[in-house]
Amino acid sequence: MGEVQVPAEKFWGAQTERSRNNFKIGPEGSMPHEIIEAFAYLKKAAAYTNAELGVLSEEKRDAIAKVCDEILDGKLDDQFPLVIWQTGSGTQSNMNVNEVIANRSHTNAGGKLGEKTTVHPNDDVNKSQSSNDTYPTAMHIAAYTKVVKHTLPALEKLRNTLDEKAKKFENIVKIGRTHLMDATPLTLGQEFSGYVAQLDYAKKAIENTLAHLKELALGGTAVGTGLNTPKGYDVKVAEYIAKFTGLPFETAPNKFEALAAHDGIVETHGALKQLAVALYKIAQDVRLLASGPRSGIGEIFIPENEPGSSIMPGKVNPTQNEAITMVCAQVLGNDTTISFAGTQGNYELNVFKPVMAYNFLQSAQLLADAMISFNDHCAVGIEPNEPRIKELVEKSLMLVTALNTHIGYENAAKIAKTAHKNGTTLKEEAINLGLLTAEQFDEWVKPEDMVGSLK
């Protein structure tokens, strides 16, 4: 392929530079840093496993491990310039890591860049590995770590805030709405309890996918057969990764599935999509309930964080709601990309790996950030507007539903329609129509008795 000029001060080599020159698509260095960190963990684990199984010297093991630790400490962040939009197996990013580790370990030992290295990028750093099993392993390490350490804690935080609100608002009777139209009463606490339940189900859905996501492809090498690996390598290397990360990773029971189909990524992101759907509904409801301040529903107050208009003085907008719902839209789009990419497992290898990793990690991080922001700058400050809530309950025609069992559906409907037509109250029309007395109306139509006992 001819010579290629590599910047003299960089630790990467020819394969990285070729990719850098051939794939100038999007911003340089767009390969997620979480993937690079995951590679550092797996390369360190591979070095320890290979040494333990007698196919790599302890000296080379230590040299490789030292550079991996430097990567994890952020000391070599400028050495990974490649983009997502490269080969679909992620081969060039695997080689980027191999070359950096080999060259950096050489300079750590007193050598100079450009000299032949004592640690070889393929024979030593990549020993017992293929890009076809390292990249999906990095995907799972990065995805699992992001979800467990970022997304789920943020979800739990928001869930607990909304649960506190549900308990605080449990005795505030308000009007319900279905089809965006007035319906029978419920409490504000009951309404918020629905949001809590949505988040509980989303959390459970995510957690139920993690068993698949923690399975690692490493040890499958090129097509899943484990060619060129010592016996027991796959189990041992997963144990080392679990040890170094502090997370319960294990070897995939079927490496053919692990290389050719990334259903674990598709599955977990599907649960993230469920979370996005729930968050959109919650944020949308809160935004509408807080609409106003004088011409909207206005049943709740949300924090006023910043001016909302460059032309309308005093206007304040539900900006946190808008931000999190935009994040939800992005996650739904990412799910479409991941779902399609998941279909691209042609025979023994899926070749849409980088775009799956990028979209997954973006979704998991965006959801985490958005939930924390929404929690801290909106949810914690939600308060009821009780006078407005009471006003709307008293004006609602749907309280007539309480009369169904006393005077029948048709008579109750007649009262509601007449009151709406005449702009009068239910009580006035019930009496005018001669269907019941004032005393009967007051006894039978009690909003607080219409909310049931369900929590």
Protein backbone atom coordinates (compact mmCIF):
# COMPACT_ATOMS: atom_id res chain seq x y z
CA MET A 1 0.00 0.00 0.00
CA GLY A 2 3.06 2.23 0.06
CA GLU A 3 4.51 4.44 2.76
CA VAL A 4 2.42 6.72 4.92
CA GLN A 5 3.71 9.67 6.91
CA VAL A 6 2.76 9.64 10.60
CA PRO A 7 3.12 12.78 12.75
CA ALA A 8 6.44 12.41 14.55
CA GLU A 9 5.08 13.29 17.98
CA LYS A 10 2.14 10.86 17.88
CA PHE A 11 2.05 7.33 19.27
CA TRP A 12 -0.25 5.93 16.61
CA GLY A 13 1.06 4.13 13.54
CA ALA A 14 0.45 3.59 9.85
CA GLN A 15 -2.95 1.89 10.09
CA THR A 16 -4.35 4.69 12.21
CA GLU A 17 -2.92 7.32 9.87
CA ARG A 18 -4.37 5.61 6.80
CA SER A 19 -7.80 5.59 8.42
CA ARG A 20 -7.38 9.21 9.47
CA ASN A 21 -6.63 10.16 5.86
CA ASN A 22 -9.22 7.91 4.21
CA PHE A 23 -12.22 8.69 6.41
CA LYS A 24 -12.47 12.44 6.83
CA ILE A 25 -16.14 12.19 7.70
CA GLY A 26 -17.46 14.30 10.54
CA PRO A 27 -15.40 15.75 13.38
CA GLU A 28 -12.01 14.17 14.06
CA GLY A 29 -11.88 11.98 17.14
CA SER A 30 -15.60 11.27 17.17
CA MET A 31 -15.08 7.68 18.27
CA PRO A 32 -16.57 7.82 21.80
CA HIS A 33 -13.98 8.08 24.55
CA GLU A 34 -15.94 5.42 26.45
CA ILE A 35 -15.04 2.96 23.68
CA ILE A 36 -11.36 3.85 23.99
CA GLU A 37 -11.51 3.37 27.76
CA ALA A 38 -13.22 0.01 27.24
CA PHE A 39 -10.43 -1.00 24.87
CA ALA A 40 -7.90 -0.11 27.55
CA TYR A 41 -9.64 -2.42 30.03
CA LEU A 42 -9.85 -5.30 27.58
CA LYS A 43 -6.26 -4.92 26.31
CA LYS A 44 -5.00 -4.95 29.89
CA ALA A 45 -7.14 -7.99 30.66
CA ALA A 46 -5.91 -9.75 27.53
CA ALA A 47 -2.29 -9.10 28.48
CA TYR A 48 -2.81 -10.56 31.95
CA THR A 49 -4.69 -13.56 30.56
CA ASN A 50 -2.10 -14.26 27.87
CA ALA A 51 0.68 -14.06 30.43
CA GLU A 52 -1.15 -16.35 32.86
CA LEU A 53 -1.74 -18.88 30.07
CA GLY A 54 1.91 -18.79 29.05
CA VAL A 55 1.73 -17.08 25.65
CA LEU A 56 3.02 -13.61 26.66
CA SER A 57 5.96 -12.65 28.84
CA GLU A 58 5.34 -10.91 32.15
CA GLU A 59 7.59 -8.07 30.97
CA LYS A 60 5.36 -7.38 27.97
CA ARG A 61 2.26 -7.83 30.11
CA ASP A 62 3.42 -5.13 32.48
CA ALA A 63 4.42 -2.82 29.64
CA ILE A 64 1.00 -3.15 28.01
CA ALA A 65 -0.85 -2.78 31.31
CA LYS A 66 1.06 0.40 32.17
CA VAL A 67 -0.05 2.11 28.96
CA CYS A 68 -3.63 0.90 29.45
CA ASP A 69 -3.62 2.57 32.86
CA GLU A 70 -2.31 5.77 31.25
CA ILE A 71 -5.21 5.67 28.80
CA LEU A 72 -7.67 5.16 31.66
CA ASP A 73 -6.10 8.10 33.50
CA GLY A 74 -6.72 10.33 30.49
CA LYS A 75 -3.03 10.91 29.77
CA LEU A 76 -3.26 9.84 26.11
CA ASP A 77 -6.59 11.34 25.08
CA ASP A 78 -5.07 13.10 22.07
CA GLN A 79 -3.84 9.83 20.57
CA PHE A 80 -7.20 8.58 19.30
CA PRO A 81 -8.18 10.70 16.27
CA LEU A 82 -10.43 8.30 14.39
CA VAL A 83 -14.06 8.81 13.49
CA ILE A 84 -17.15 6.68 13.85
CA TRP A 85 -17.59 6.57 10.10
CA GLN A 86 -14.95 3.96 9.25
CA THR A 87 -15.01 0.23 8.69
CA GLY A 88 -18.12 -1.27 10.26
CA SER A 89 -16.11 -3.74 12.32
CA GLY A 90 -14.17 -1.00 14.10
CA THR A 91 -10.89 -2.58 12.96
CA GLN A 92 -9.08 0.72 12.59
CA SER A 93 -9.94 1.83 16.12
CA ASN A 94 -8.74 -1.52 17.46
CA MET A 95 -5.46 -0.98 15.61
CA ASN A 96 -5.30 2.64 16.80
CA VAL A 97 -5.30 1.33 20.37
CA ASN A 98 -2.82 -1.45 19.53
CA GLU A 99 -0.39 0.99 17.89
CA VAL A 100 -0.59 3.55 20.68
CA ILE A 101 0.03 0.90 23.34
CA ALA A 102 2.97 -0.57 21.43
CA ASN A 103 4.67 2.76 20.72
CA ARG A 104 3.99 4.24 24.14
CA SER A 105 5.33 1.16 25.90
CA HIS A 106 8.47 1.51 23.75
CA THR A 107 9.05 5.11 24.86
CA ASN A 108 8.24 4.19 28.45
CA ALA A 109 11.15 1.75 28.23
CA GLY A 110 13.48 4.49 26.97
CA GLY A 111 13.07 3.96 23.24
CA LYS A 112 12.31 6.57 20.59
CA LEU A 113 9.32 6.89 18.29
CA GLY A 114 10.05 5.57 14.83
CA GLU A 115 12.22 2.72 16.08
CA LYS A 116 11.11 -0.89 15.93
CA THR A 117 9.13 -1.54 19.10
CA THR A 118 9.79 -4.40 21.50
CA VAL A 119 6.03 -4.74 22.06
CA HIS A 120 4.35 -5.51 18.73
CA PRO A 121 0.87 -4.07 18.07
CA ASN A 122 -0.43 -7.28 16.45
CA ASP A 123 1.66 -10.07 17.94
CA ASP A 124 1.60 -8.81 21.53
CA VAL A 125 -1.06 -6.16 22.18
CA ASN A 126 -3.59 -7.92 19.93
CA LYS A 127 -2.56 -11.46 20.91
CA SER A 128 -5.49 -13.90 21.11
CA GLN A 129 -7.76 -11.21 19.69
CA SER A 130 -9.41 -9.96 16.52
CA SER A 131 -11.10 -6.65 15.82
CA ASN A 132 -14.20 -8.78 15.34
CA ASP A 133 -14.32 -9.73 19.02
CA THR A 134 -12.57 -6.75 20.61
CA TYR A 135 -14.87 -4.06 19.26
CA PRO A 136 -18.13 -5.76 20.34
CA THR A 137 -16.50 -6.39 23.71
CA ALA A 138 -15.66 -2.69 23.99
CA MET A 139 -19.25 -1.88 22.99
CA HIS A 140 -20.67 -3.99 25.81
CA ILE A 141 -18.20 -2.74 28.41
CA ALA A 142 -18.91 0.89 27.51
CA ALA A 143 -22.68 0.45 27.23
CA TYR A 144 -23.08 -1.51 30.47
CA THR A 145 -20.88 0.93 32.37
CA LYS A 146 -22.73 3.96 31.06
CA VAL A 147 -26.16 2.57 31.93
CA VAL A 148 -25.22 1.31 35.39
CA LYS A 149 -23.13 4.28 36.50
CA HIS A 150 -25.02 7.12 34.84
CA THR A 151 -28.49 6.36 33.46
CA LEU A 152 -29.90 4.25 36.28
CA PRO A 153 -28.73 6.51 39.15
CA ALA A 154 -30.25 9.55 37.41
CA LEU A 155 -33.48 7.63 36.85
CA GLU A 156 -33.63 6.67 40.51
CA LYS A 157 -33.09 10.28 41.57
CA LEU A 158 -35.95 11.61 39.44
CA ARG A 159 -38.20 8.72 40.41
CA ASN A 160 -37.71 9.46 44.11
CA THR A 161 -38.45 13.16 43.63
CA LEU A 162 -41.72 12.42 41.85
CA ASP A 163 -42.62 9.86 44.51
CA GLU A 164 -42.17 12.51 47.19
CA LYS A 165 -44.47 14.81 45.22
CA ALA A 166 -47.06 12.05 44.83
CA LYS A 167 -47.17 11.55 48.60
CA LYS A 168 -47.24 15.29 49.28
CA PHE A 169 -50.13 15.85 46.86
CA GLU A 170 -52.20 12.80 47.85
CA ASN A 171 -55.12 14.80 49.29
CA ILE A 172 -55.38 17.48 46.60
CA VAL A 173 -58.46 16.68 44.52
CA LYS A 174 -58.28 17.90 40.92
CA ILE A 175 -60.13 17.33 37.70
CA GLY A 176 -58.96 14.50 35.49
CA ARG A 177 -58.62 14.75 31.73
CA THR A 178 -58.94 12.17 28.97
CA HIS A 179 -58.62 12.97 25.26
CA LEU A 180 -57.48 16.41 26.54
CA MET A 181 -61.08 16.93 27.72
CA ASP A 182 -62.51 17.20 31.23
CA ALA A 183 -63.07 13.87 32.98
CA THR A 184 -63.84 12.68 36.52
CA PRO A 185 -61.71 13.78 39.50
CA LEU A 186 -58.58 12.22 40.91
CA THR A 187 -55.94 13.53 43.25
CA LEU A 188 -52.80 15.26 42.10
CA GLY A 189 -50.96 12.60 44.07
CA GLN A 190 -52.64 9.83 42.08
CA GLU A 191 -51.64 11.57 38.86
CA PHE A 192 -48.01 11.79 39.97
CA SER A 193 -48.06 8.19 41.19
CA GLY A 194 -48.65 7.20 37.58
CA TYR A 195 -45.43 8.96 36.61
CA VAL A 196 -43.56 7.12 39.36
CA ALA A 197 -44.91 3.78 38.15
CA GLN A 198 -43.81 4.55 34.59
CA LEU A 199 -40.26 5.17 35.80
CA ASP A 200 -40.34 2.03 37.94
CA TYR A 201 -41.30 -0.04 34.90
CA ALA A 202 -38.64 1.65 32.78
CA LYS A 203 -36.02 0.87 35.40
CA LYS A 204 -37.11 -2.75 35.56
CA ALA A 205 -37.06 -2.99 31.76
CA ILE A 206 -33.49 -1.69 31.63
CA GLU A 207 -32.29 -3.94 34.45
CA ASN A 208 -33.86 -6.98 32.81
CA THR A 209 -31.63 -6.48 29.75
CA LEU A 210 -28.34 -6.21 31.60
CA ALA A 211 -27.73 -9.96 31.80
CA HIS A 212 -27.28 -10.03 28.03
CA LEU A 213 -25.32 -6.79 27.90
CA LYS A 214 -22.72 -8.02 30.40
CA GLU A 215 -21.78 -10.92 28.09
CA LEU A 216 -18.50 -10.34 26.26
CA ALA A 217 -17.46 -11.55 22.81
CA LEU A 218 -13.73 -11.60 23.60
CA GLY A 219 -12.30 -15.01 22.83
CA GLY A 220 -14.32 -15.54 19.67
CA THR A 221 -11.58 -13.94 17.53
CA ALA A 222 -12.37 -13.74 13.79
CA VAL A 223 -15.63 -15.65 13.32
CA GLY A 224 -16.52 -16.95 16.78
CA THR A 225 -14.50 -20.18 16.80
CA GLY A 226 -11.77 -18.89 19.10
CA LEU A 227 -9.01 -19.50 16.56
CA ASN A 228 -5.51 -18.65 17.90
CA THR A 229 -6.56 -18.42 21.54
CA PRO A 230 -5.16 -20.63 24.32
CA LYS A 231 -7.56 -22.94 26.11
CA GLY A 232 -9.65 -21.18 28.73
CA TYR A 233 -8.78 -17.74 27.41
CA ASP A 234 -12.37 -16.50 26.95
CA VAL A 235 -13.46 -17.25 30.51
CA LYS A 236 -10.26 -15.95 32.08
CA VAL A 237 -10.14 -12.68 30.11
CA ALA A 238 -13.74 -11.89 31.08
CA GLU A 239 -12.83 -12.49 34.72
CA TYR A 240 -9.97 -10.01 34.45
CA ILE A 241 -12.23 -7.42 32.81
CA ALA A 242 -14.72 -7.87 35.65
CA LYS A 243 -11.90 -7.46 38.16
CA PHE A 244 -10.49 -4.31 36.56
CA THR A 245 -13.86 -2.61 36.01
CA GLY A 246 -15.55 -3.77 39.19
CA LEU A 247 -18.56 -4.86 37.11
CA PRO A 248 -19.97 -8.40 36.64
CA PHE A 249 -18.87 -9.09 33.08
CA GLU A 250 -18.69 -12.68 31.86
CA THR A 251 -17.85 -14.48 28.66
CA ALA A 252 -20.65 -14.85 26.13
CA PRO A 253 -21.87 -18.47 25.98
CA ASN A 254 -22.12 -18.30 22.18
CA LYS A 255 -19.45 -16.26 20.41
CA PHE A 256 -21.11 -16.60 17.01
CA GLU A 257 -24.10 -14.62 18.26
CA ALA A 258 -21.82 -12.17 20.04
CA LEU A 259 -19.94 -11.30 16.83
CA ALA A 260 -22.68 -11.48 14.23
CA ALA A 261 -25.68 -10.09 16.13
CA HIS A 262 -25.68 -7.24 18.62
CA ASP A 263 -29.10 -8.03 20.03
CA GLY A 264 -27.89 -7.14 23.51
CA ILE A 265 -27.31 -3.55 22.40
CA VAL A 266 -30.65 -3.50 20.55
CA GLU A 267 -32.43 -4.92 23.58
CA THR A 268 -31.03 -2.51 26.16
CA HIS A 269 -31.51 0.47 23.90
CA GLY A 270 -35.10 -0.63 23.43
CA ALA A 271 -35.49 -0.27 27.19
CA LEU A 272 -33.86 3.17 27.00
CA LYS A 273 -36.45 4.01 24.37
CA GLN A 274 -39.17 2.95 26.82
CA LEU A 275 -37.65 5.32 29.36
CA ALA A 276 -37.61 8.13 26.78
CA VAL A 277 -41.28 7.52 26.00
CA ALA A 278 -42.14 7.71 29.71
CA LEU A 279 -40.09 10.85 30.24
CA TYR A 280 -41.71 12.57 27.28
CA LYS A 281 -45.18 11.87 28.66
CA ILE A 282 -44.22 13.08 32.14
CA ALA A 283 -42.50 16.26 30.96
CA GLN A 284 -45.33 17.02 28.56
CA ASP A 285 -47.95 16.62 31.29
CA VAL A 286 -46.02 18.84 33.68
CA ARG A 287 -45.61 21.49 31.00
CA LEU A 288 -49.33 21.52 30.19
CA LEU A 289 -50.43 21.45 33.83
CA ALA A 290 -48.22 24.49 34.45
CA SER A 291 -49.38 26.38 31.36
CA GLY A 292 -50.45 29.98 31.87
CA PRO A 293 -49.94 31.86 34.05
CA ARG A 294 -53.39 33.36 33.40
CA SER A 295 -54.74 31.81 30.22
CA GLY A 296 -53.71 28.18 30.60
CA ILE A 297 -54.50 25.28 32.90
CA GLY A 298 -52.21 26.53 35.64
CA GLU A 299 -52.84 23.74 38.16
CA ILE A 300 -49.20 23.57 39.21
CA PHE A 301 -46.28 25.95 39.53
CA ILE A 302 -42.84 25.05 38.18
CA PRO A 303 -39.60 26.94 38.88
CA GLU A 304 -38.92 30.10 36.89
CA ASN A 305 -35.29 29.71 35.86
CA GLU A 306 -34.62 32.28 33.14
CA PRO A 307 -36.34 34.89 30.93
CA GLY A 308 -38.37 33.27 28.18
CA SER A 309 -38.63 35.90 25.50
CA SER A 310 -36.53 38.58 23.86
CA ILE A 311 -39.65 40.61 23.01
CA MET A 312 -42.31 39.80 25.62
CA PRO A 313 -41.33 41.23 29.02
CA GLY A 314 -41.90 38.98 32.01
CA LYS A 315 -42.50 35.83 29.99
CA VAL A 316 -41.12 32.61 31.47
CA ASN A 317 -41.11 29.28 29.65
CA PRO A 318 -40.99 25.60 30.70
CA THR A 319 -37.44 25.22 29.38
CA GLN A 320 -36.47 22.09 31.30
CA ASN A 321 -39.51 20.32 29.86
CA GLU A 322 -38.53 21.39 26.37
CA ALA A 323 -34.96 20.22 26.85
CA ILE A 324 -35.83 16.76 28.12
CA THR A 325 -38.48 16.19 25.46
CA MET A 326 -35.93 17.05 22.77
CA VAL A 327 -33.60 14.49 24.32
CA CYS A 328 -36.42 11.95 24.15
CA ALA A 329 -36.88 12.70 20.45
CA GLN A 330 -33.15 12.13 19.89
CA VAL A 331 -33.28 8.80 21.73
CA LEU A 332 -36.22 7.63 19.61
CA GLY A 333 -34.24 8.50 16.49
CA ASN A 334 -31.17 6.73 17.84
CA ASP A 335 -33.30 3.65 18.45
CA THR A 336 -34.30 3.57 14.80
CA THR A 337 -30.63 3.71 13.79
CA ILE A 338 -29.64 1.01 16.28
CA SER A 339 -32.52 -1.23 15.23
CA PHE A 340 -31.53 -1.03 11.58
CA ALA A 341 -27.84 -1.43 12.39
CA GLY A 342 -28.71 -4.54 14.36
CA THR A 343 -30.02 -6.17 11.18
CA GLN A 344 -26.64 -5.85 9.48
CA GLY A 345 -25.11 -9.05 10.81
CA ASN A 346 -24.13 -10.63 7.52
CA TYR A 347 -23.19 -14.26 8.16
CA GLU A 348 -20.52 -14.18 10.91
CA LEU A 349 -20.08 -10.45 11.50
CA ASN A 350 -22.18 -7.36 12.06
CA VAL A 351 -20.55 -4.46 10.23
CA PHE A 352 -22.44 -1.50 11.72
CA LYS A 353 -20.72 -1.62 15.10
CA PRO A 354 -19.38 1.95 15.49
CA VAL A 355 -22.69 3.64 14.70
CA MET A 356 -24.46 1.36 17.17
CA ALA A 357 -21.95 2.20 19.89
CA TYR A 358 -22.11 5.93 19.20
CA ASN A 359 -25.90 6.15 19.26
CA PHE A 360 -26.26 3.93 22.32
CA LEU A 361 -23.76 5.89 24.38
CA GLN A 362 -25.27 9.18 23.29
CA SER A 363 -28.75 8.04 24.35
CA ALA A 364 -27.62 6.72 27.72
CA GLN A 365 -25.67 9.88 28.54
CA LEU A 366 -28.31 12.30 27.26
CA LEU A 367 -31.02 10.58 29.27
CA ALA A 368 -28.87 10.68 32.41
CA ASP A 369 -28.00 14.36 31.97
CA ALA A 370 -31.57 15.35 31.08
CA MET A 371 -33.10 13.52 34.04
CA ILE A 372 -30.70 15.19 36.47
CA SER A 373 -31.33 18.60 34.92
CA PHE A 374 -35.11 18.13 34.90
CA ASN A 375 -35.03 16.88 38.47
CA ASP A 376 -32.84 19.64 39.88
CA HIS A 377 -34.30 22.58 37.97
CA CYS A 378 -37.95 21.57 37.60
CA ALA A 379 -39.31 18.52 39.42
CA VAL A 380 -38.06 19.41 42.89
CA GLY A 381 -39.78 22.78 42.64
CA ILE A 382 -43.22 21.63 41.49
CA GLU A 383 -45.97 22.98 43.73
CA PRO A 384 -49.78 22.86 43.46
CA ASN A 385 -51.86 25.93 42.64
CA GLU A 386 -54.69 24.91 44.95
CA PRO A 387 -57.07 27.83 44.31
CA ARG A 388 -56.91 27.17 40.57
CA ILE A 389 -57.32 23.43 41.08
CA LYS A 390 -60.41 24.01 43.23
CA GLU A 391 -61.86 26.45 40.69
CA LEU A 392 -61.53 23.98 37.84
CA VAL A 393 -63.03 21.13 39.86
CA GLU A 394 -66.06 23.22 40.74
CA LYS A 395 -66.55 24.30 37.12
CA SER A 396 -66.22 20.80 35.66
CA LEU A 397 -69.30 19.26 34.08
CA MET A 398 -67.90 15.77 34.51
CA LEU A 399 -68.81 15.74 38.19
CA VAL A 400 -72.21 14.76 36.88
CA THR A 401 -70.85 11.22 36.54
CA ALA A 402 -71.53 10.78 40.26
CA LEU A 403 -75.26 11.00 39.49
CA ASN A 404 -75.29 8.04 37.08
CA THR A 405 -76.18 5.52 39.76
CA HIS A 406 -78.94 7.74 41.15
CA ILE A 407 -80.80 9.18 38.14
CA GLY A 408 -79.32 7.23 35.21
CA TYR A 409 -76.89 8.08 32.43
CA GLU A 410 -79.38 9.87 30.17
CA ASN A 411 -80.70 12.20 32.86
CA ALA A 412 -77.17 12.95 34.04
CA ALA A 413 -76.12 13.73 30.47
CA LYS A 414 -79.12 16.05 30.11
CA ILE A 415 -78.01 18.02 33.16
CA ALA A 416 -74.44 18.37 31.84
CA LYS A 417 -75.46 19.42 28.34
CA THR A 418 -78.00 21.95 29.59
CA ALA A 419 -75.53 23.46 32.05
CA HIS A 420 -72.92 23.76 29.31
CA LYS A 421 -75.41 25.35 26.91
CA ASN A 422 -76.72 27.85 29.44
CA GLY A 423 -73.41 28.58 31.15
CA THR A 424 -74.82 27.52 34.48
CA THR A 425 -73.74 25.02 37.12
CA LEU A 426 -74.67 21.36 37.34
CA LYS A 427 -76.52 22.00 40.58
CA GLU A 428 -78.60 24.79 39.09
CA GLU A 429 -79.70 22.74 36.10
CA ALA A 430 -80.32 19.59 38.14
CA ILE A 431 -82.79 21.57 40.24
CA ASN A 432 -84.28 23.48 37.29
CA LEU A 433 -84.91 20.24 35.42
CA GLY A 434 -86.60 18.78 38.49
CA LEU A 435 -84.33 15.74 38.53
CA LEU A 436 -83.16 16.12 42.15
CA THR A 437 -83.14 18.51 45.08
CA ALA A 438 -80.32 20.74 46.25
CA GLU A 439 -79.83 18.48 49.24
CA GLN A 440 -79.57 15.38 47.05
CA PHE A 441 -77.06 17.08 44.77
CA ASP A 442 -74.85 18.10 47.69
CA GLU A 443 -75.02 14.59 49.14
CA TRP A 444 -74.27 12.73 45.91
CA VAL A 445 -71.82 15.06 44.13
CA LYS A 446 -68.70 15.20 46.29
CA PRO A 447 -65.45 15.37 44.30
CA GLU A 448 -63.44 14.01 47.24
CA ASP A 449 -65.58 10.87 47.20
CA MET A 450 -65.03 10.32 43.49
CA VAL A 451 -61.28 9.68 43.56
CA GLY A 452 -61.51 6.07 44.72
CA SER A 453 -58.99 4.33 46.93
CA LEU A 454 -56.37 3.35 44.36
CA LYS A 455 -52.93 4.77 45.00
